[in-house]
Amino acid sequence: SYGVSGSVLAAISVFAVVIALCLRGLL
């Protein structure tokens, strides 16, 4: 995201939400 969009915080925040929801599904 730093190289493509430059908006690192927004990208990481979206992916962190995906990780949390995915973990919930796994459990």
mmCIF file of all heavy atoms, coordinates in Angstrom:
data_MODEL
# 
_entry.id   MODEL 
# 
loop_
_atom_site.group_PDB 
_atom_site.id 
_atom_site.type_symbol 
_atom_site.label_atom_id 
_atom_site.label_alt_id 
_atom_site.label_comp_id 
_atom_site.label_asym_id 
_atom_site.label_entity_id 
_atom_site.label_seq_id 
_atom_site.pdbx_PDB_ins_code 
_atom_site.Cartn_x 
_atom_site.Cartn_y 
_atom_site.Cartn_z 
_atom_site.occupancy 
_atom_site.B_iso_or_equiv 
_atom_site.pdbx_formal_charge 
_atom_site.auth_seq_id 
_atom_site.auth_comp_id 
_atom_site.auth_asym_id 
_atom_site.auth_atom_id 
_atom_site.pdbx_PDB_model_num 
ATOM 1   N N   . SER A 1 1  ? 0.825   -1.202  0.000  1.00 0.00 ? 1  SER A N   1 
ATOM 2   C CA  . SER A 1 1  ? 0.000   0.000   0.000  1.00 0.00 ? 1  SER A CA  1 
ATOM 3   C C   . SER A 1 1  ? 0.859   1.252   0.000  1.00 0.00 ? 1  SER A C   1 
ATOM 4   O O   . SER A 1 1  ? 0.479   2.280   -0.557 1.00 0.00 ? 1  SER A O   1 
ATOM 5   C CB  . SER A 1 1  ? -0.950  0.010   1.206  1.00 0.00 ? 1  SER A CB  1 
ATOM 6   O OG  . SER A 1 1  ? -0.222  0.006   2.423  1.00 0.00 ? 1  SER A OG  1 
ATOM 7   N N   . TYR A 1 2  ? 2.032   1.180   0.606  1.00 0.00 ? 2  TYR A N   1 
ATOM 8   C CA  . TYR A 1 2  ? 2.946   2.321   0.577  1.00 0.00 ? 2  TYR A CA  1 
ATOM 9   C C   . TYR A 1 2  ? 3.394   2.604   -0.853 1.00 0.00 ? 2  TYR A C   1 
ATOM 10  O O   . TYR A 1 2  ? 3.500   3.756   -1.270 1.00 0.00 ? 2  TYR A O   1 
ATOM 11  C CB  . TYR A 1 2  ? 4.158   2.038   1.455  1.00 0.00 ? 2  TYR A CB  1 
ATOM 12  C CG  . TYR A 1 2  ? 5.170   3.157   1.462  1.00 0.00 ? 2  TYR A CG  1 
ATOM 13  C CD1 . TYR A 1 2  ? 4.969   4.287   2.255  1.00 0.00 ? 2  TYR A CD1 1 
ATOM 14  C CD2 . TYR A 1 2  ? 6.312   3.108   0.666  1.00 0.00 ? 2  TYR A CD2 1 
ATOM 15  C CE1 . TYR A 1 2  ? 5.885   5.334   2.259  1.00 0.00 ? 2  TYR A CE1 1 
ATOM 16  C CE2 . TYR A 1 2  ? 7.227   4.146   0.662  1.00 0.00 ? 2  TYR A CE2 1 
ATOM 17  C CZ  . TYR A 1 2  ? 7.016   5.254   1.460  1.00 0.00 ? 2  TYR A CZ  1 
ATOM 18  O OH  . TYR A 1 2  ? 7.910   6.284   1.451  1.00 0.00 ? 2  TYR A OH  1 
ATOM 19  N N   . GLY A 1 3  ? 3.620   1.521   -1.625 1.00 0.00 ? 3  GLY A N   1 
ATOM 20  C CA  . GLY A 1 3  ? 4.076   1.700   -3.000 1.00 0.00 ? 3  GLY A CA  1 
ATOM 21  C C   . GLY A 1 3  ? 2.963   2.000   -3.977 1.00 0.00 ? 3  GLY A C   1 
ATOM 22  O O   . GLY A 1 3  ? 3.153   2.747   -4.932 1.00 0.00 ? 3  GLY A O   1 
ATOM 23  N N   . VAL A 1 4  ? 1.778   1.432   -3.750 1.00 0.00 ? 4  VAL A N   1 
ATOM 24  C CA  . VAL A 1 4  ? 0.686   1.560   -4.718 1.00 0.00 ? 4  VAL A CA  1 
ATOM 25  C C   . VAL A 1 4  ? -0.252  2.708   -4.371 1.00 0.00 ? 4  VAL A C   1 
ATOM 26  O O   . VAL A 1 4  ? -0.633  3.502   -5.226 1.00 0.00 ? 4  VAL A O   1 
ATOM 27  C CB  . VAL A 1 4  ? -0.113  0.240   -4.799 1.00 0.00 ? 4  VAL A CB  1 
ATOM 28  C CG1 . VAL A 1 4  ? -1.360  0.418   -5.666 1.00 0.00 ? 4  VAL A CG1 1 
ATOM 29  C CG2 . VAL A 1 4  ? 0.766   -0.863  -5.366 1.00 0.00 ? 4  VAL A CG2 1 
ATOM 30  N N   . SER A 1 5  ? -0.640  2.814   -3.094 1.00 0.00 ? 5  SER A N   1 
ATOM 31  C CA  . SER A 1 5  ? -1.650  3.807   -2.733 1.00 0.00 ? 5  SER A CA  1 
ATOM 32  C C   . SER A 1 5  ? -1.120  4.911   -1.827 1.00 0.00 ? 5  SER A C   1 
ATOM 33  O O   . SER A 1 5  ? -1.651  6.014   -1.826 1.00 0.00 ? 5  SER A O   1 
ATOM 34  C CB  . SER A 1 5  ? -2.830  3.123   -2.031 1.00 0.00 ? 5  SER A CB  1 
ATOM 35  O OG  . SER A 1 5  ? -2.449  2.675   -0.744 1.00 0.00 ? 5  SER A OG  1 
ATOM 36  N N   . GLY A 1 6  ? -0.147  4.599   -1.035 1.00 0.00 ? 6  GLY A N   1 
ATOM 37  C CA  . GLY A 1 6  ? 0.372   5.594   -0.119 1.00 0.00 ? 6  GLY A CA  1 
ATOM 38  C C   . GLY A 1 6  ? -0.443  5.748   1.149  1.00 0.00 ? 6  GLY A C   1 
ATOM 39  O O   . GLY A 1 6  ? -0.033  6.441   2.081  1.00 0.00 ? 6  GLY A O   1 
ATOM 40  N N   . SER A 1 7  ? -1.601  5.126   1.223  1.00 0.00 ? 7  SER A N   1 
ATOM 41  C CA  . SER A 1 7  ? -2.453  5.223   2.406  1.00 0.00 ? 7  SER A CA  1 
ATOM 42  C C   . SER A 1 7  ? -2.314  3.937   3.218  1.00 0.00 ? 7  SER A C   1 
ATOM 43  O O   . SER A 1 7  ? -3.174  3.058   3.198  1.00 0.00 ? 7  SER A O   1 
ATOM 44  C CB  . SER A 1 7  ? -3.906  5.446   1.992  1.00 0.00 ? 7  SER A CB  1 
ATOM 45  O OG  . SER A 1 7  ? -4.719  5.674   3.119  1.00 0.00 ? 7  SER A OG  1 
ATOM 46  N N   . VAL A 1 8  ? -1.217  3.848   3.943  1.00 0.00 ? 8  VAL A N   1 
ATOM 47  C CA  . VAL A 1 8  ? -0.884  2.623   4.658  1.00 0.00 ? 8  VAL A CA  1 
ATOM 48  C C   . VAL A 1 8  ? -1.869  2.346   5.787  1.00 0.00 ? 8  VAL A C   1 
ATOM 49  O O   . VAL A 1 8  ? -2.328  1.215   5.961  1.00 0.00 ? 8  VAL A O   1 
ATOM 50  C CB  . VAL A 1 8  ? 0.555   2.708   5.215  1.00 0.00 ? 8  VAL A CB  1 
ATOM 51  C CG1 . VAL A 1 8  ? 0.903   1.451   5.985  1.00 0.00 ? 8  VAL A CG1 1 
ATOM 52  C CG2 . VAL A 1 8  ? 1.545   2.947   4.094  1.00 0.00 ? 8  VAL A CG2 1 
ATOM 53  N N   . LEU A 1 9  ? -2.215  3.359   6.557  1.00 0.00 ? 9  LEU A N   1 
ATOM 54  C CA  . LEU A 1 9  ? -3.083  3.165   7.718  1.00 0.00 ? 9  LEU A CA  1 
ATOM 55  C C   . LEU A 1 9  ? -4.453  2.638   7.312  1.00 0.00 ? 9  LEU A C   1 
ATOM 56  O O   . LEU A 1 9  ? -4.987  1.717   7.942  1.00 0.00 ? 9  LEU A O   1 
ATOM 57  C CB  . LEU A 1 9  ? -3.237  4.484   8.487  1.00 0.00 ? 9  LEU A CB  1 
ATOM 58  C CG  . LEU A 1 9  ? -4.096  4.420   9.754  1.00 0.00 ? 9  LEU A CG  1 
ATOM 59  C CD1 . LEU A 1 9  ? -3.511  3.417   10.742 1.00 0.00 ? 9  LEU A CD1 1 
ATOM 60  C CD2 . LEU A 1 9  ? -4.205  5.802   10.393 1.00 0.00 ? 9  LEU A CD2 1 
ATOM 61  N N   . ALA A 1 10 ? -5.030  3.205   6.252  1.00 0.00 ? 10 ALA A N   1 
ATOM 62  C CA  . ALA A 1 10 ? -6.349  2.760   5.801  1.00 0.00 ? 10 ALA A CA  1 
ATOM 63  C C   . ALA A 1 10 ? -6.298  1.305   5.341  1.00 0.00 ? 10 ALA A C   1 
ATOM 64  O O   . ALA A 1 10 ? -7.174  0.500   5.686  1.00 0.00 ? 10 ALA A O   1 
ATOM 65  C CB  . ALA A 1 10 ? -6.850  3.652   4.670  1.00 0.00 ? 10 ALA A CB  1 
ATOM 66  N N   . ALA A 1 11 ? -5.270  0.958   4.573  1.00 0.00 ? 11 ALA A N   1 
ATOM 67  C CA  . ALA A 1 11 ? -5.145  -0.409  4.073  1.00 0.00 ? 11 ALA A CA  1 
ATOM 68  C C   . ALA A 1 11 ? -4.967  -1.404  5.208  1.00 0.00 ? 11 ALA A C   1 
ATOM 69  O O   . ALA A 1 11 ? -5.617  -2.458  5.241  1.00 0.00 ? 11 ALA A O   1 
ATOM 70  C CB  . ALA A 1 11 ? -3.974  -0.494  3.100  1.00 0.00 ? 11 ALA A CB  1 
ATOM 71  N N   . ILE A 1 12 ? -4.089  -1.085  6.150  1.00 0.00 ? 12 ILE A N   1 
ATOM 72  C CA  . ILE A 1 12 ? -3.840  -1.991  7.279  1.00 0.00 ? 12 ILE A CA  1 
ATOM 73  C C   . ILE A 1 12 ? -5.085  -2.125  8.151  1.00 0.00 ? 12 ILE A C   1 
ATOM 74  O O   . ILE A 1 12 ? -5.402  -3.211  8.646  1.00 0.00 ? 12 ILE A O   1 
ATOM 75  C CB  . ILE A 1 12 ? -2.638  -1.492  8.106  1.00 0.00 ? 12 ILE A CB  1 
ATOM 76  C CG1 . ILE A 1 12 ? -1.341  -1.721  7.321  1.00 0.00 ? 12 ILE A CG1 1 
ATOM 77  C CG2 . ILE A 1 12 ? -2.570  -2.188  9.450  1.00 0.00 ? 12 ILE A CG2 1 
ATOM 78  C CD1 . ILE A 1 12 ? -0.094  -1.251  8.039  1.00 0.00 ? 12 ILE A CD1 1 
ATOM 79  N N   . SER A 1 13 ? -5.823  -1.035  8.325  1.00 0.00 ? 13 SER A N   1 
ATOM 80  C CA  . SER A 1 13 ? -7.043  -1.080  9.140  1.00 0.00 ? 13 SER A CA  1 
ATOM 81  C C   . SER A 1 13 ? -8.088  -2.007  8.517  1.00 0.00 ? 13 SER A C   1 
ATOM 82  O O   . SER A 1 13 ? -8.711  -2.819  9.213  1.00 0.00 ? 13 SER A O   1 
ATOM 83  C CB  . SER A 1 13 ? -7.620  0.324   9.303  1.00 0.00 ? 13 SER A CB  1 
ATOM 84  O OG  . SER A 1 13 ? -6.707  1.170   9.983  1.00 0.00 ? 13 SER A OG  1 
ATOM 85  N N   . VAL A 1 14 ? -8.276  -1.888  7.199  1.00 0.00 ? 14 VAL A N   1 
ATOM 86  C CA  . VAL A 1 14 ? -9.236  -2.755  6.509  1.00 0.00 ? 14 VAL A CA  1 
ATOM 87  C C   . VAL A 1 14 ? -8.818  -4.218  6.625  1.00 0.00 ? 14 VAL A C   1 
ATOM 88  O O   . VAL A 1 14 ? -9.638  -5.095  6.930  1.00 0.00 ? 14 VAL A O   1 
ATOM 89  C CB  . VAL A 1 14 ? -9.361  -2.350  5.023  1.00 0.00 ? 14 VAL A CB  1 
ATOM 90  C CG1 . VAL A 1 14 ? -10.155 -3.392  4.239  1.00 0.00 ? 14 VAL A CG1 1 
ATOM 91  C CG2 . VAL A 1 14 ? -10.026 -0.986  4.900  1.00 0.00 ? 14 VAL A CG2 1 
ATOM 92  N N   . PHE A 1 15 ? -7.531  -4.480  6.422  1.00 0.00 ? 15 PHE A N   1 
ATOM 93  C CA  . PHE A 1 15 ? -7.062  -5.858  6.486  1.00 0.00 ? 15 PHE A CA  1 
ATOM 94  C C   . PHE A 1 15 ? -7.150  -6.409  7.910  1.00 0.00 ? 15 PHE A C   1 
ATOM 95  O O   . PHE A 1 15 ? -7.430  -7.595  8.098  1.00 0.00 ? 15 PHE A O   1 
ATOM 96  C CB  . PHE A 1 15 ? -5.628  -5.946  5.967  1.00 0.00 ? 15 PHE A CB  1 
ATOM 97  C CG  . PHE A 1 15 ? -5.162  -7.357  5.716  1.00 0.00 ? 15 PHE A CG  1 
ATOM 98  C CD1 . PHE A 1 15 ? -5.882  -8.205  4.900  1.00 0.00 ? 15 PHE A CD1 1 
ATOM 99  C CD2 . PHE A 1 15 ? -3.997  -7.837  6.298  1.00 0.00 ? 15 PHE A CD2 1 
ATOM 100 C CE1 . PHE A 1 15 ? -5.468  -9.509  4.658  1.00 0.00 ? 15 PHE A CE1 1 
ATOM 101 C CE2 . PHE A 1 15 ? -3.570  -9.131  6.070  1.00 0.00 ? 15 PHE A CE2 1 
ATOM 102 C CZ  . PHE A 1 15 ? -4.302  -9.966  5.244  1.00 0.00 ? 15 PHE A CZ  1 
ATOM 103 N N   . ALA A 1 16 ? -6.918  -5.568  8.907  1.00 0.00 ? 16 ALA A N   1 
ATOM 104 C CA  . ALA A 1 16 ? -7.027  -6.012  10.296 1.00 0.00 ? 16 ALA A CA  1 
ATOM 105 C C   . ALA A 1 16 ? -8.459  -6.449  10.617 1.00 0.00 ? 16 ALA A C   1 
ATOM 106 O O   . ALA A 1 16 ? -8.676  -7.440  11.332 1.00 0.00 ? 16 ALA A O   1 
ATOM 107 C CB  . ALA A 1 16 ? -6.591  -4.899  11.244 1.00 0.00 ? 16 ALA A CB  1 
ATOM 108 N N   . VAL A 1 17 ? -9.441  -5.717  10.085 1.00 0.00 ? 17 VAL A N   1 
ATOM 109 C CA  . VAL A 1 17 ? -10.837 -6.110  10.280 1.00 0.00 ? 17 VAL A CA  1 
ATOM 110 C C   . VAL A 1 17 ? -11.111 -7.454  9.615  1.00 0.00 ? 17 VAL A C   1 
ATOM 111 O O   . VAL A 1 17 ? -11.777 -8.325  10.186 1.00 0.00 ? 17 VAL A O   1 
ATOM 112 C CB  . VAL A 1 17 ? -11.783 -5.024  9.718  1.00 0.00 ? 17 VAL A CB  1 
ATOM 113 C CG1 . VAL A 1 17 ? -13.228 -5.520  9.716  1.00 0.00 ? 17 VAL A CG1 1 
ATOM 114 C CG2 . VAL A 1 17 ? -11.664 -3.751  10.529 1.00 0.00 ? 17 VAL A CG2 1 
ATOM 115 N N   . VAL A 1 18 ? -10.573 -7.647  8.409  1.00 0.00 ? 18 VAL A N   1 
ATOM 116 C CA  . VAL A 1 18 ? -10.736 -8.931  7.713  1.00 0.00 ? 18 VAL A CA  1 
ATOM 117 C C   . VAL A 1 18 ? -10.130 -10.061 8.543  1.00 0.00 ? 18 VAL A C   1 
ATOM 118 O O   . VAL A 1 18 ? -10.731 -11.135 8.693  1.00 0.00 ? 18 VAL A O   1 
ATOM 119 C CB  . VAL A 1 18 ? -10.076 -8.880  6.323  1.00 0.00 ? 18 VAL A CB  1 
ATOM 120 C CG1 . VAL A 1 18 ? -10.051 -10.270 5.690  1.00 0.00 ? 18 VAL A CG1 1 
ATOM 121 C CG2 . VAL A 1 18 ? -10.814 -7.906  5.416  1.00 0.00 ? 18 VAL A CG2 1 
ATOM 122 N N   . ILE A 1 19 ? -8.944  -9.848  9.093  1.00 0.00 ? 19 ILE A N   1 
ATOM 123 C CA  . ILE A 1 19 ? -8.281  -10.859 9.915  1.00 0.00 ? 19 ILE A CA  1 
ATOM 124 C C   . ILE A 1 19 ? -9.154  -11.221 11.121 1.00 0.00 ? 19 ILE A C   1 
ATOM 125 O O   . ILE A 1 19 ? -9.330  -12.408 11.446 1.00 0.00 ? 19 ILE A O   1 
ATOM 126 C CB  . ILE A 1 19 ? -6.901  -10.364 10.382 1.00 0.00 ? 19 ILE A CB  1 
ATOM 127 C CG1 . ILE A 1 19 ? -5.932  -10.304 9.197  1.00 0.00 ? 19 ILE A CG1 1 
ATOM 128 C CG2 . ILE A 1 19 ? -6.332  -11.272 11.473 1.00 0.00 ? 19 ILE A CG2 1 
ATOM 129 C CD1 . ILE A 1 19 ? -4.588  -9.690  9.542  1.00 0.00 ? 19 ILE A CD1 1 
ATOM 130 N N   . ALA A 1 20 ? -9.713  -10.208 11.788 1.00 0.00 ? 20 ALA A N   1 
ATOM 131 C CA  . ALA A 1 20 ? -10.540 -10.453 12.968 1.00 0.00 ? 20 ALA A CA  1 
ATOM 132 C C   . ALA A 1 20 ? -11.784 -11.272 12.619 1.00 0.00 ? 20 ALA A C   1 
ATOM 133 O O   . ALA A 1 20 ? -12.140 -12.231 13.321 1.00 0.00 ? 20 ALA A O   1 
ATOM 134 C CB  . ALA A 1 20 ? -10.940 -9.124  13.608 1.00 0.00 ? 20 ALA A CB  1 
ATOM 135 N N   . LEU A 1 21 ? -12.444 -10.921 11.520 1.00 0.00 ? 21 LEU A N   1 
ATOM 136 C CA  . LEU A 1 21 ? -13.635 -11.654 11.103 1.00 0.00 ? 21 LEU A CA  1 
ATOM 137 C C   . LEU A 1 21 ? -13.295 -13.067 10.664 1.00 0.00 ? 21 LEU A C   1 
ATOM 138 O O   . LEU A 1 21 ? -14.041 -14.014 10.922 1.00 0.00 ? 21 LEU A O   1 
ATOM 139 C CB  . LEU A 1 21 ? -14.349 -10.894 9.974  1.00 0.00 ? 21 LEU A CB  1 
ATOM 140 C CG  . LEU A 1 21 ? -14.943 -9.539  10.367 1.00 0.00 ? 21 LEU A CG  1 
ATOM 141 C CD1 . LEU A 1 21 ? -15.515 -8.835  9.137  1.00 0.00 ? 21 LEU A CD1 1 
ATOM 142 C CD2 . LEU A 1 21 ? -16.025 -9.703  11.432 1.00 0.00 ? 21 LEU A CD2 1 
ATOM 143 N N   . CYS A 1 22 ? -12.159 -13.210 9.998  1.00 0.00 ? 22 CYS A N   1 
ATOM 144 C CA  . CYS A 1 22 ? -11.720 -14.536 9.560  1.00 0.00 ? 22 CYS A CA  1 
ATOM 145 C C   . CYS A 1 22 ? -11.424 -15.423 10.760 1.00 0.00 ? 22 CYS A C   1 
ATOM 146 O O   . CYS A 1 22 ? -11.784 -16.603 10.785 1.00 0.00 ? 22 CYS A O   1 
ATOM 147 C CB  . CYS A 1 22 ? -10.481 -14.384 8.674  1.00 0.00 ? 22 CYS A CB  1 
ATOM 148 S SG  . CYS A 1 22 ? -9.911  -15.924 7.930  1.00 0.00 ? 22 CYS A SG  1 
ATOM 149 N N   . LEU A 1 23 ? -10.767 -14.876 11.773 1.00 0.00 ? 23 LEU A N   1 
ATOM 150 C CA  . LEU A 1 23 ? -10.465 -15.644 12.984 1.00 0.00 ? 23 LEU A CA  1 
ATOM 151 C C   . LEU A 1 23 ? -11.748 -16.096 13.667 1.00 0.00 ? 23 LEU A C   1 
ATOM 152 O O   . LEU A 1 23 ? -11.858 -17.231 14.132 1.00 0.00 ? 23 LEU A O   1 
ATOM 153 C CB  . LEU A 1 23 ? -9.619  -14.801 13.937 1.00 0.00 ? 23 LEU A CB  1 
ATOM 154 C CG  . LEU A 1 23 ? -9.261  -15.467 15.277 1.00 0.00 ? 23 LEU A CG  1 
ATOM 155 C CD1 . LEU A 1 23 ? -8.482  -16.751 15.054 1.00 0.00 ? 23 LEU A CD1 1 
ATOM 156 C CD2 . LEU A 1 23 ? -8.472  -14.497 16.151 1.00 0.00 ? 23 LEU A CD2 1 
ATOM 157 N N   . ARG A 1 24 ? -12.720 -15.219 13.694 1.00 0.00 ? 24 ARG A N   1 
ATOM 158 C CA  . ARG A 1 24 ? -14.014 -15.585 14.278 1.00 0.00 ? 24 ARG A CA  1 
ATOM 159 C C   . ARG A 1 24 ? -14.633 -16.761 13.537 1.00 0.00 ? 24 ARG A C   1 
ATOM 160 O O   . ARG A 1 24 ? -15.165 -17.691 14.148 1.00 0.00 ? 24 ARG A O   1 
ATOM 161 C CB  . ARG A 1 24 ? -14.950 -14.381 14.237 1.00 0.00 ? 24 ARG A CB  1 
ATOM 162 C CG  . ARG A 1 24 ? -16.326 -14.663 14.821 1.00 0.00 ? 24 ARG A CG  1 
ATOM 163 C CD  . ARG A 1 24 ? -17.235 -13.461 14.686 1.00 0.00 ? 24 ARG A CD  1 
ATOM 164 N NE  . ARG A 1 24 ? -18.560 -13.745 15.200 1.00 0.00 ? 24 ARG A NE  1 
ATOM 165 C CZ  . ARG A 1 24 ? -19.586 -12.919 15.113 1.00 0.00 ? 24 ARG A CZ  1 
ATOM 166 N NH1 . ARG A 1 24 ? -19.434 -11.732 14.550 1.00 0.00 ? 24 ARG A NH1 1 
ATOM 167 N NH2 . ARG A 1 24 ? -20.764 -13.249 15.585 1.00 0.00 ? 24 ARG A NH2 1 
ATOM 168 N N   . GLY A 1 25 ? -14.558 -16.713 12.203 1.00 0.00 ? 25 GLY A N   1 
ATOM 169 C CA  . GLY A 1 25 ? -15.091 -17.826 11.416 1.00 0.00 ? 25 GLY A CA  1 
ATOM 170 C C   . GLY A 1 25 ? -14.352 -19.125 11.661 1.00 0.00 ? 25 GLY A C   1 
ATOM 171 O O   . GLY A 1 25 ? -14.954 -20.203 11.743 1.00 0.00 ? 25 GLY A O   1 
ATOM 172 N N   . LEU A 1 26 ? -13.027 -19.050 11.790 1.00 0.00 ? 26 LEU A N   1 
ATOM 173 C CA  . LEU A 1 26 ? -12.234 -20.245 12.070 1.00 0.00 ? 26 LEU A CA  1 
ATOM 174 C C   . LEU A 1 26 ? -12.638 -20.875 13.398 1.00 0.00 ? 26 LEU A C   1 
ATOM 175 O O   . LEU A 1 26 ? -12.796 -22.095 13.514 1.00 0.00 ? 26 LEU A O   1 
ATOM 176 C CB  . LEU A 1 26 ? -10.744 -19.889 12.115 1.00 0.00 ? 26 LEU A CB  1 
ATOM 177 C CG  . LEU A 1 26 ? -9.978  -19.797 10.796 1.00 0.00 ? 26 LEU A CG  1 
ATOM 178 C CD1 . LEU A 1 26 ? -8.551  -19.355 11.068 1.00 0.00 ? 26 LEU A CD1 1 
ATOM 179 C CD2 . LEU A 1 26 ? -9.989  -21.118 10.045 1.00 0.00 ? 26 LEU A CD2 1 
ATOM 180 N N   . LEU A 1 27 ? -12.808 -20.040 14.407 1.00 0.00 ? 27 LEU A N   1 
ATOM 181 C CA  . LEU A 1 27 ? -13.112 -20.546 15.742 1.00 0.00 ? 27 LEU A CA  1 
ATOM 182 C C   . LEU A 1 27 ? -14.526 -21.090 15.852 1.00 0.00 ? 27 LEU A C   1 
ATOM 183 O O   . LEU A 1 27 ? -14.793 -21.988 16.652 1.00 0.00 ? 27 LEU A O   1 
ATOM 184 C CB  . LEU A 1 27 ? -12.907 -19.435 16.769 1.00 0.00 ? 27 LEU A CB  1 
ATOM 185 C CG  . LEU A 1 27 ? -11.469 -18.949 16.959 1.00 0.00 ? 27 LEU A CG  1 
ATOM 186 C CD1 . LEU A 1 27 ? -11.424 -17.747 17.885 1.00 0.00 ? 27 LEU A CD1 1 
ATOM 187 C CD2 . LEU A 1 27 ? -10.589 -20.063 17.501 1.00 0.00 ? 27 LEU A CD2 1 
# 
